Amino acid sequence: MAKLETNLDACQLSGEILIRLRKIIRDGLRGAYGAAWKENGIPAEIREFLLQRQAREASINWNLSDSVDELDFAGYVNLYDIIAGTGPLMQRFLPLAPDAHVLRIRFLELDTILNRIGYCRPISEADLGLLVSFEDRLKRSSTPAAAAEESAPARAPRAAGPAPETPPAAPARPAPPEKKAKAAPPPPPPEPEPAAAPATKAPPPPPAPPEPEPAAEPARPQPTVAAAPLVGPQEIETALKRGDNKIVLTALYQEVTALADGLWNGSVTSLQARTWESVRESQWYRERFTQLGLKPISDFFGLFDRAKEKMLSGTSRNELQEFLKEHNFVQVLLALKEVFKQHMRP
């Protein structure tokens, strides 16, 4: 249990550091390169790598957030390489270490910890201390961090002491206090006392009400579209004749979701777009193409057909991925997301 708590603390700390670093770098690149900061501020090789990582994720779960950009797919080493390629950013981060060489080592160490967190390997107290120490120096370093300082009060208990001693402050979460509160109830086992002396035993009763609250946590929003039952061929034909937009779009959504991963991974030759074959020949599709803005659906299946032809003719997986990137595969998936979100809201 102690190891799990340490990993959770490290995960939270690392996440906060990454978010702060990305914001500082994003703002710095915008200041240096303006609107073209992605193209001119991120070295070409690194940007290509980050875009490929984004495309890989999109092919598996293409319902991506609208707010993500290349930097949201960057780890610590990627971020350092971007910093090293931009003079003003390098000057901004140099106060965090004696020199550029040591700064790079710090980012390498952070990247190693990030991998341990991501693959659920044990996080040591030294790892946690490094995260706390780096976060503290990042907060206190020059003016660009001033905006980030606003969030410092929330983490003040952790960063208050020296690096090695700070981790124990992590238990300042709601869960541990509740466990201590439960230890208090043993004193009032007699049932008559609570009724007879509510004033004297006032402290023990308050901890009891919070217990039902954790039960409310499972109430999480679930994706209604993804949870919809599979639409069968007969149901699709009936929906096309009846003009039922929701059922037809649900069937297309399910088919796109099933095909996207295979399209990116090169296993497209064994896949069939049967729903699309029925829909594209229908009167429903011709009448609603413009009305519902179905061009992204047409673009996706156009890419699917061409990719399948390429794979059947001997194209390698890497060549197929290059083809998809050249034809803006990620952008097509994001456009699809907008179509389905607009017309399939519950």
Protein backbone atom coordinates (compact mmCIF):
# COMPACT_ATOMS: atom_id res chain seq x y z
CA MET A 1 0.00 0.00 0.00
CA ALA A 2 2.86 2.38 0.83
CA LYS A 3 4.38 1.79 -2.60
CA LEU A 4 1.06 2.57 -4.28
CA GLU A 5 0.76 5.81 -2.30
CA THR A 6 4.27 6.81 -3.40
CA ASN A 7 3.46 6.10 -7.05
CA LEU A 8 0.25 8.12 -6.81
CA ASP A 9 2.12 11.07 -5.31
CA ALA A 10 4.78 10.83 -8.01
CA CYS A 11 2.13 10.65 -10.73
CA GLN A 12 0.45 13.81 -9.44
CA LEU A 13 3.71 15.68 -9.10
CA SER A 14 5.00 14.64 -12.51
CA GLY A 15 1.70 15.60 -14.12
CA GLU A 16 1.80 19.06 -12.58
CA ILE A 17 5.41 19.56 -13.68
CA LEU A 18 4.65 18.46 -17.28
CA ILE A 19 1.61 20.74 -17.52
CA ARG A 20 3.63 23.69 -16.19
CA LEU A 21 6.58 22.98 -18.50
CA ARG A 22 4.37 22.68 -21.57
CA LYS A 23 2.64 25.96 -20.76
CA ILE A 24 5.94 27.82 -20.30
CA ILE A 25 7.35 26.35 -23.52
CA ARG A 26 4.16 26.98 -25.48
CA ASP A 27 4.05 30.62 -24.34
CA GLY A 28 7.77 31.04 -25.05
CA LEU A 29 7.47 29.66 -28.58
CA ARG A 30 4.42 31.81 -29.30
CA GLY A 31 6.37 34.86 -28.14
CA ALA A 32 9.35 33.95 -30.34
CA TYR A 33 7.59 32.69 -33.50
CA GLY A 34 4.01 33.96 -33.34
CA ALA A 35 1.22 31.95 -34.96
CA ALA A 36 3.69 29.63 -36.71
CA TRP A 37 5.25 28.50 -33.39
CA LYS A 38 4.59 24.81 -34.02
CA GLU A 39 6.23 24.77 -37.45
CA ASN A 40 9.13 27.09 -36.64
CA GLY A 41 9.64 26.54 -32.91
CA ILE A 42 9.57 22.74 -32.67
CA PRO A 43 12.50 21.05 -34.47
CA ALA A 44 11.26 19.13 -37.52
CA GLU A 45 12.35 15.68 -36.32
CA ILE A 46 10.76 16.13 -32.90
CA ARG A 47 7.54 17.53 -34.36
CA GLU A 48 7.34 14.59 -36.77
CA PHE A 49 7.80 12.18 -33.85
CA LEU A 50 5.11 13.92 -31.78
CA LEU A 51 2.68 14.01 -34.70
CA GLN A 52 3.25 10.30 -35.26
CA ARG A 53 2.56 9.64 -31.58
CA GLN A 54 -0.64 11.69 -31.89
CA ALA A 55 -1.67 9.79 -35.01
CA ARG A 56 -1.02 6.47 -33.28
CA GLU A 57 -3.30 7.42 -30.40
CA ALA A 58 -5.91 8.82 -32.75
CA SER A 59 -6.01 5.56 -34.70
CA ILE A 60 -6.85 3.65 -31.52
CA ASN A 61 -9.13 6.15 -29.81
CA TRP A 62 -9.82 8.90 -32.32
CA ASN A 63 -12.31 10.75 -30.12
CA LEU A 64 -9.53 13.16 -29.12
CA SER A 65 -9.86 16.37 -27.16
CA ASP A 66 -10.07 19.55 -29.25
CA SER A 67 -7.52 21.34 -27.07
CA VAL A 68 -4.49 19.07 -27.54
CA ASP A 69 -1.47 19.99 -29.65
CA GLU A 70 1.93 18.44 -30.35
CA LEU A 71 3.38 19.50 -26.98
CA ASP A 72 0.73 17.46 -25.17
CA PHE A 73 2.40 14.32 -26.57
CA ALA A 74 5.90 15.34 -25.45
CA GLY A 75 7.77 13.77 -22.55
CA TYR A 76 10.57 15.42 -20.60
CA VAL A 77 13.34 14.60 -23.08
CA ASN A 78 11.26 15.89 -26.01
CA LEU A 79 10.59 19.10 -24.09
CA TYR A 80 14.29 19.56 -23.33
CA ASP A 81 15.21 19.19 -27.01
CA ILE A 82 12.67 21.90 -27.87
CA ILE A 83 14.06 24.14 -25.11
CA ALA A 84 17.63 23.59 -26.33
CA GLY A 85 16.65 24.70 -29.83
CA THR A 86 15.25 28.05 -28.69
CA GLY A 87 17.69 30.53 -27.14
CA PRO A 88 15.24 32.51 -24.97
CA LEU A 89 13.75 29.31 -23.57
CA MET A 90 17.18 27.90 -22.77
CA GLN A 91 18.04 31.08 -20.86
CA ARG A 92 14.72 30.76 -19.05
CA PHE A 93 15.51 27.23 -17.82
CA LEU A 94 19.27 27.49 -17.16
CA PRO A 95 18.71 28.77 -13.58
CA LEU A 96 17.32 25.32 -12.76
CA ALA A 97 20.80 23.73 -13.03
CA PRO A 98 24.49 24.72 -12.94
CA ASP A 99 24.82 24.38 -16.73
CA ALA A 100 23.08 23.05 -19.85
CA HIS A 101 24.66 19.60 -19.47
CA VAL A 102 23.33 19.14 -15.94
CA LEU A 103 19.95 20.52 -17.02
CA ARG A 104 19.73 17.83 -19.70
CA ILE A 105 20.60 15.16 -17.12
CA ARG A 106 17.79 16.43 -14.88
CA PHE A 107 15.28 16.09 -17.74
CA LEU A 108 16.60 12.59 -18.52
CA GLU A 109 16.10 11.62 -14.87
CA LEU A 110 12.57 13.01 -14.94
CA ASP A 111 11.83 11.05 -18.11
CA THR A 112 13.01 7.85 -16.43
CA ILE A 113 10.67 8.51 -13.50
CA LEU A 114 7.83 9.19 -15.96
CA ASN A 115 8.42 5.75 -17.51
CA ARG A 116 8.38 4.10 -14.07
CA ILE A 117 5.08 5.81 -13.31
CA GLY A 118 3.59 4.91 -16.71
CA TYR A 119 4.49 1.22 -16.40
CA CYS A 120 3.66 0.97 -12.68
CA ARG A 121 7.18 0.23 -11.49
CA PRO A 122 8.05 1.14 -7.88
CA ILE A 123 8.90 4.79 -7.27
CA SER A 124 11.60 5.36 -4.63
CA GLU A 125 11.78 8.14 -2.08
CA ALA A 126 14.74 9.52 -4.05
CA ASP A 127 12.58 9.71 -7.20
CA LEU A 128 9.87 11.50 -5.27
CA GLY A 129 12.43 13.85 -3.77
CA LEU A 130 13.76 14.72 -7.23
CA LEU A 131 10.24 15.54 -8.45
CA VAL A 132 9.52 17.72 -5.42
CA SER A 133 12.88 19.49 -5.70
CA PHE A 134 12.50 20.15 -9.44
CA GLU A 135 8.94 21.40 -9.03
CA ASP A 136 10.02 23.76 -6.27
CA ARG A 137 12.90 25.20 -8.36
CA LEU A 138 10.61 25.53 -11.37
CA LYS A 139 8.08 27.51 -9.35
CA ARG A 140 10.71 29.80 -7.87
CA SER A 141 12.62 30.42 -11.10
CA SER A 142 12.34 33.79 -12.89
CA THR A 143 9.28 35.76 -13.93
CA PRO A 144 7.72 33.52 -16.59
CA ALA A 145 6.82 31.17 -13.72
CA ALA A 146 4.82 33.90 -11.97
CA ALA A 147 1.60 32.70 -13.55
CA ALA A 148 2.29 29.19 -12.33
CA GLU A 149 2.89 30.47 -8.79
CA GLU A 150 -0.85 31.03 -8.43
CA SER A 151 -1.30 27.30 -8.08
CA ALA A 152 1.50 27.03 -5.49
CA PRO A 153 -0.72 27.43 -2.35
CA ALA A 154 -2.49 24.19 -3.20
CA ARG A 155 0.84 22.30 -3.08
CA ALA A 156 2.50 24.44 -0.38
CA PRO A 157 2.52 21.70 2.28
CA ARG A 158 4.61 19.44 0.03
CA ALA A 159 7.20 21.93 -1.11
CA ALA A 160 7.60 23.58 2.30
CA GLY A 161 10.50 21.45 3.53
CA PRO A 162 13.69 20.04 1.99
CA ALA A 163 13.31 17.63 -0.91
CA PRO A 164 13.74 14.31 0.98
CA GLU A 165 11.43 15.31 3.85
CA THR A 166 8.61 16.69 1.75
CA PRO A 167 7.15 13.40 0.40
CA PRO A 168 5.66 12.42 3.79
CA ALA A 169 3.44 15.51 3.48
CA ALA A 170 1.65 13.80 0.57
CA PRO A 171 -0.85 12.07 2.90
CA ALA A 172 -2.59 15.47 3.14
CA ARG A 173 -5.31 14.00 0.97
CA PRO A 174 -8.93 13.46 2.02
CA ALA A 175 -8.56 9.65 2.27
CA PRO A 176 -6.05 9.32 5.15
CA PRO A 177 -7.90 11.75 7.48
CA GLU A 178 -11.08 9.70 7.08
CA LYS A 179 -9.25 6.57 8.15
CA LYS A 180 -8.14 8.33 11.34
CA ALA A 181 -11.66 9.56 11.95
CA LYS A 182 -12.90 5.98 11.88
CA ALA A 183 -10.57 5.14 14.77
CA ALA A 184 -12.44 7.66 16.94
CA PRO A 185 -15.87 5.90 16.93
CA PRO A 186 -14.65 2.93 19.15
CA PRO A 187 -14.95 5.09 22.34
CA PRO A 188 -18.73 5.52 21.99
CA PRO A 189 -19.81 1.85 21.64
CA PRO A 190 -22.61 2.14 24.26
CA GLU A 191 -25.81 2.99 22.39
CA PRO A 192 -27.53 4.97 25.16
CA GLU A 193 -24.64 7.50 25.47
CA PRO A 194 -25.11 9.21 22.06
CA ALA A 195 -28.72 9.97 22.93
CA ALA A 196 -28.06 10.91 26.54
CA ALA A 197 -25.02 13.11 26.03
CA PRO A 198 -24.95 14.46 22.47
CA ALA A 199 -23.15 17.59 23.65
CA THR A 200 -20.23 15.85 25.32
CA LYS A 201 -19.75 13.30 22.52
CA ALA A 202 -20.13 15.89 19.78
CA PRO A 203 -16.68 15.32 18.19
CA PRO A 204 -17.22 11.62 17.28
CA PRO A 205 -20.55 12.07 15.38
CA PRO A 206 -19.23 14.54 12.73
CA PRO A 207 -16.77 12.04 11.18
CA ALA A 208 -19.62 9.57 10.59
CA PRO A 209 -21.59 11.61 7.95
CA PRO A 210 -18.68 11.85 5.47
CA GLU A 211 -18.66 8.03 5.06
CA PRO A 212 -21.64 7.87 2.62
CA GLU A 213 -20.03 10.54 0.39
CA PRO A 214 -17.43 8.22 -1.25
CA ALA A 215 -20.30 6.12 -2.57
CA ALA A 216 -21.25 9.05 -4.80
CA GLU A 217 -17.91 8.88 -6.69
CA PRO A 218 -18.92 6.06 -9.08
CA ALA A 219 -21.31 8.49 -10.76
CA ARG A 220 -19.05 9.15 -13.76
CA PRO A 221 -20.32 10.19 -17.18
CA GLN A 222 -20.11 7.35 -19.68
CA PRO A 223 -19.81 7.77 -23.47
CA THR A 224 -23.33 7.01 -24.64
CA VAL A 225 -22.36 6.60 -28.30
CA ALA A 226 -19.62 4.04 -27.68
CA ALA A 227 -21.91 2.07 -25.36
CA ALA A 228 -24.67 1.79 -27.98
CA PRO A 229 -25.46 -1.77 -29.13
CA LEU A 230 -24.08 -2.78 -32.51
CA VAL A 231 -26.36 -1.92 -35.42
CA GLY A 232 -27.03 -4.92 -37.66
CA PRO A 233 -27.26 -4.89 -41.50
CA GLN A 234 -31.05 -5.27 -41.51
CA GLU A 235 -31.45 -2.43 -39.05
CA ILE A 236 -29.23 -0.22 -41.20
CA GLU A 237 -31.33 -0.93 -44.33
CA THR A 238 -34.53 -0.14 -42.42
CA ALA A 239 -33.04 3.07 -40.98
CA LEU A 240 -31.90 4.22 -44.45
CA LYS A 241 -35.38 3.75 -45.86
CA ARG A 242 -36.98 5.43 -42.85
CA GLY A 243 -34.45 8.29 -42.85
CA ASP A 244 -33.35 7.65 -39.26
CA ASN A 245 -30.23 9.80 -39.01
CA LYS A 246 -29.23 8.66 -35.53
CA ILE A 247 -29.20 4.93 -36.29
CA VAL A 248 -27.34 5.39 -39.59
CA LEU A 249 -24.72 7.65 -38.00
CA THR A 250 -24.36 5.28 -35.04
CA ALA A 251 -23.66 2.42 -37.45
CA LEU A 252 -21.06 4.53 -39.29
CA TYR A 253 -19.48 5.59 -35.99
CA GLN A 254 -19.10 1.96 -34.95
CA GLU A 255 -17.56 1.02 -38.28
CA VAL A 256 -15.11 3.94 -38.28
CA THR A 257 -14.05 3.09 -34.72
CA ALA A 258 -13.41 -0.52 -35.73
CA LEU A 259 -11.44 0.41 -38.86
CA ALA A 260 -9.28 3.31 -37.63
CA ASP A 261 -6.79 1.21 -35.66
CA GLY A 262 -6.37 -1.35 -38.44
CA LEU A 263 -5.91 1.45 -40.95
CA TRP A 264 -2.96 2.91 -39.02
CA ASN A 265 -1.43 -0.44 -38.08
CA GLY A 266 -1.44 -1.89 -41.58
CA SER A 267 -3.96 -4.67 -40.89
CA VAL A 268 -6.42 -3.04 -43.26
CA THR A 269 -6.44 -5.83 -45.86
CA SER A 270 -8.64 -8.08 -43.72
CA LEU A 271 -11.18 -5.36 -42.91
CA GLN A 272 -14.49 -4.65 -44.65
CA ALA A 273 -16.50 -1.41 -44.75
CA ARG A 274 -19.91 -3.06 -45.20
CA THR A 275 -21.93 -0.32 -43.51
CA TRP A 276 -20.31 2.31 -45.70
CA GLU A 277 -21.02 0.25 -48.84
CA SER A 278 -24.73 0.26 -47.97
CA VAL A 279 -24.84 3.92 -46.96
CA ARG A 280 -22.96 5.50 -49.88
CA GLU A 281 -25.35 3.99 -52.47
CA SER A 282 -28.47 5.11 -50.63
CA GLN A 283 -30.87 7.98 -51.24
CA TRP A 284 -30.37 8.92 -47.59
CA TYR A 285 -26.67 9.67 -48.22
CA ARG A 286 -27.30 11.76 -51.33
CA GLU A 287 -29.95 13.85 -49.60
CA ARG A 288 -28.03 14.41 -46.37
CA PHE A 289 -24.45 14.74 -47.63
CA THR A 290 -24.57 18.55 -47.56
CA GLN A 291 -27.29 18.92 -44.93
CA LEU A 292 -25.38 16.94 -42.26
CA GLY A 293 -21.85 17.79 -43.49
CA LEU A 294 -20.86 14.18 -44.23
CA LYS A 295 -17.70 14.96 -46.23
CA PRO A 296 -15.34 13.87 -43.37
CA ILE A 297 -17.01 10.44 -43.47
CA SER A 298 -16.45 10.26 -47.21
CA ASP A 299 -12.81 11.38 -46.73
CA PHE A 300 -12.17 8.68 -44.12
CA PHE A 301 -13.52 5.84 -46.23
CA GLY A 302 -11.70 7.23 -49.26
CA LEU A 303 -8.45 6.93 -47.29
CA PHE A 304 -9.48 3.46 -46.16
CA ASP A 305 -10.05 2.26 -49.76
CA ARG A 306 -6.74 3.69 -51.01
CA ALA A 307 -4.82 2.31 -48.04
CA LYS A 308 -6.28 -1.12 -48.63
CA GLU A 309 -5.25 -1.01 -52.29
CA LYS A 310 -1.72 0.01 -51.30
CA MET A 311 -1.37 -2.80 -48.77
CA LEU A 312 -2.67 -5.36 -51.29
CA SER A 313 -0.05 -4.13 -53.76
CA GLY A 314 2.79 -4.69 -51.27
CA THR A 315 3.14 -1.33 -49.49
CA SER A 316 4.88 -1.64 -46.11
CA ARG A 317 3.36 -0.49 -42.85
CA ASN A 318 5.78 2.44 -42.56
CA GLU A 319 5.01 3.56 -46.12
CA LEU A 320 1.30 3.34 -45.35
CA GLN A 321 1.73 5.54 -42.28
CA GLU A 322 3.63 8.09 -44.37
CA PHE A 323 0.75 8.05 -46.87
CA LEU A 324 -1.79 8.63 -44.08
CA LYS A 325 0.24 11.51 -42.62
CA GLU A 326 0.53 13.12 -46.05
CA HIS A 327 -3.26 12.93 -46.34
CA ASN A 328 -3.89 14.47 -42.88
CA PHE A 329 -5.21 11.32 -41.22
CA VAL A 330 -5.40 12.90 -37.75
CA GLN A 331 -7.27 15.94 -39.08
CA VAL A 332 -9.76 13.67 -40.84
CA LEU A 333 -10.43 11.84 -37.56
CA LEU A 334 -10.90 15.11 -35.69
CA ALA A 335 -13.34 16.32 -38.34
CA LEU A 336 -15.23 13.03 -38.00
CA LYS A 337 -15.44 13.59 -34.28
CA GLU A 338 -17.15 16.93 -34.87
CA VAL A 339 -19.71 15.38 -37.24
CA PHE A 340 -20.66 12.65 -34.79
CA LYS A 341 -20.66 14.98 -31.79
CA GLN A 342 -22.98 17.40 -33.56
CA HIS A 343 -25.55 14.87 -34.76
CA MET A 344 -25.41 12.13 -32.15
CA ARG A 345 -25.85 13.99 -28.89
CA PRO A 346 -28.29 12.14 -26.60
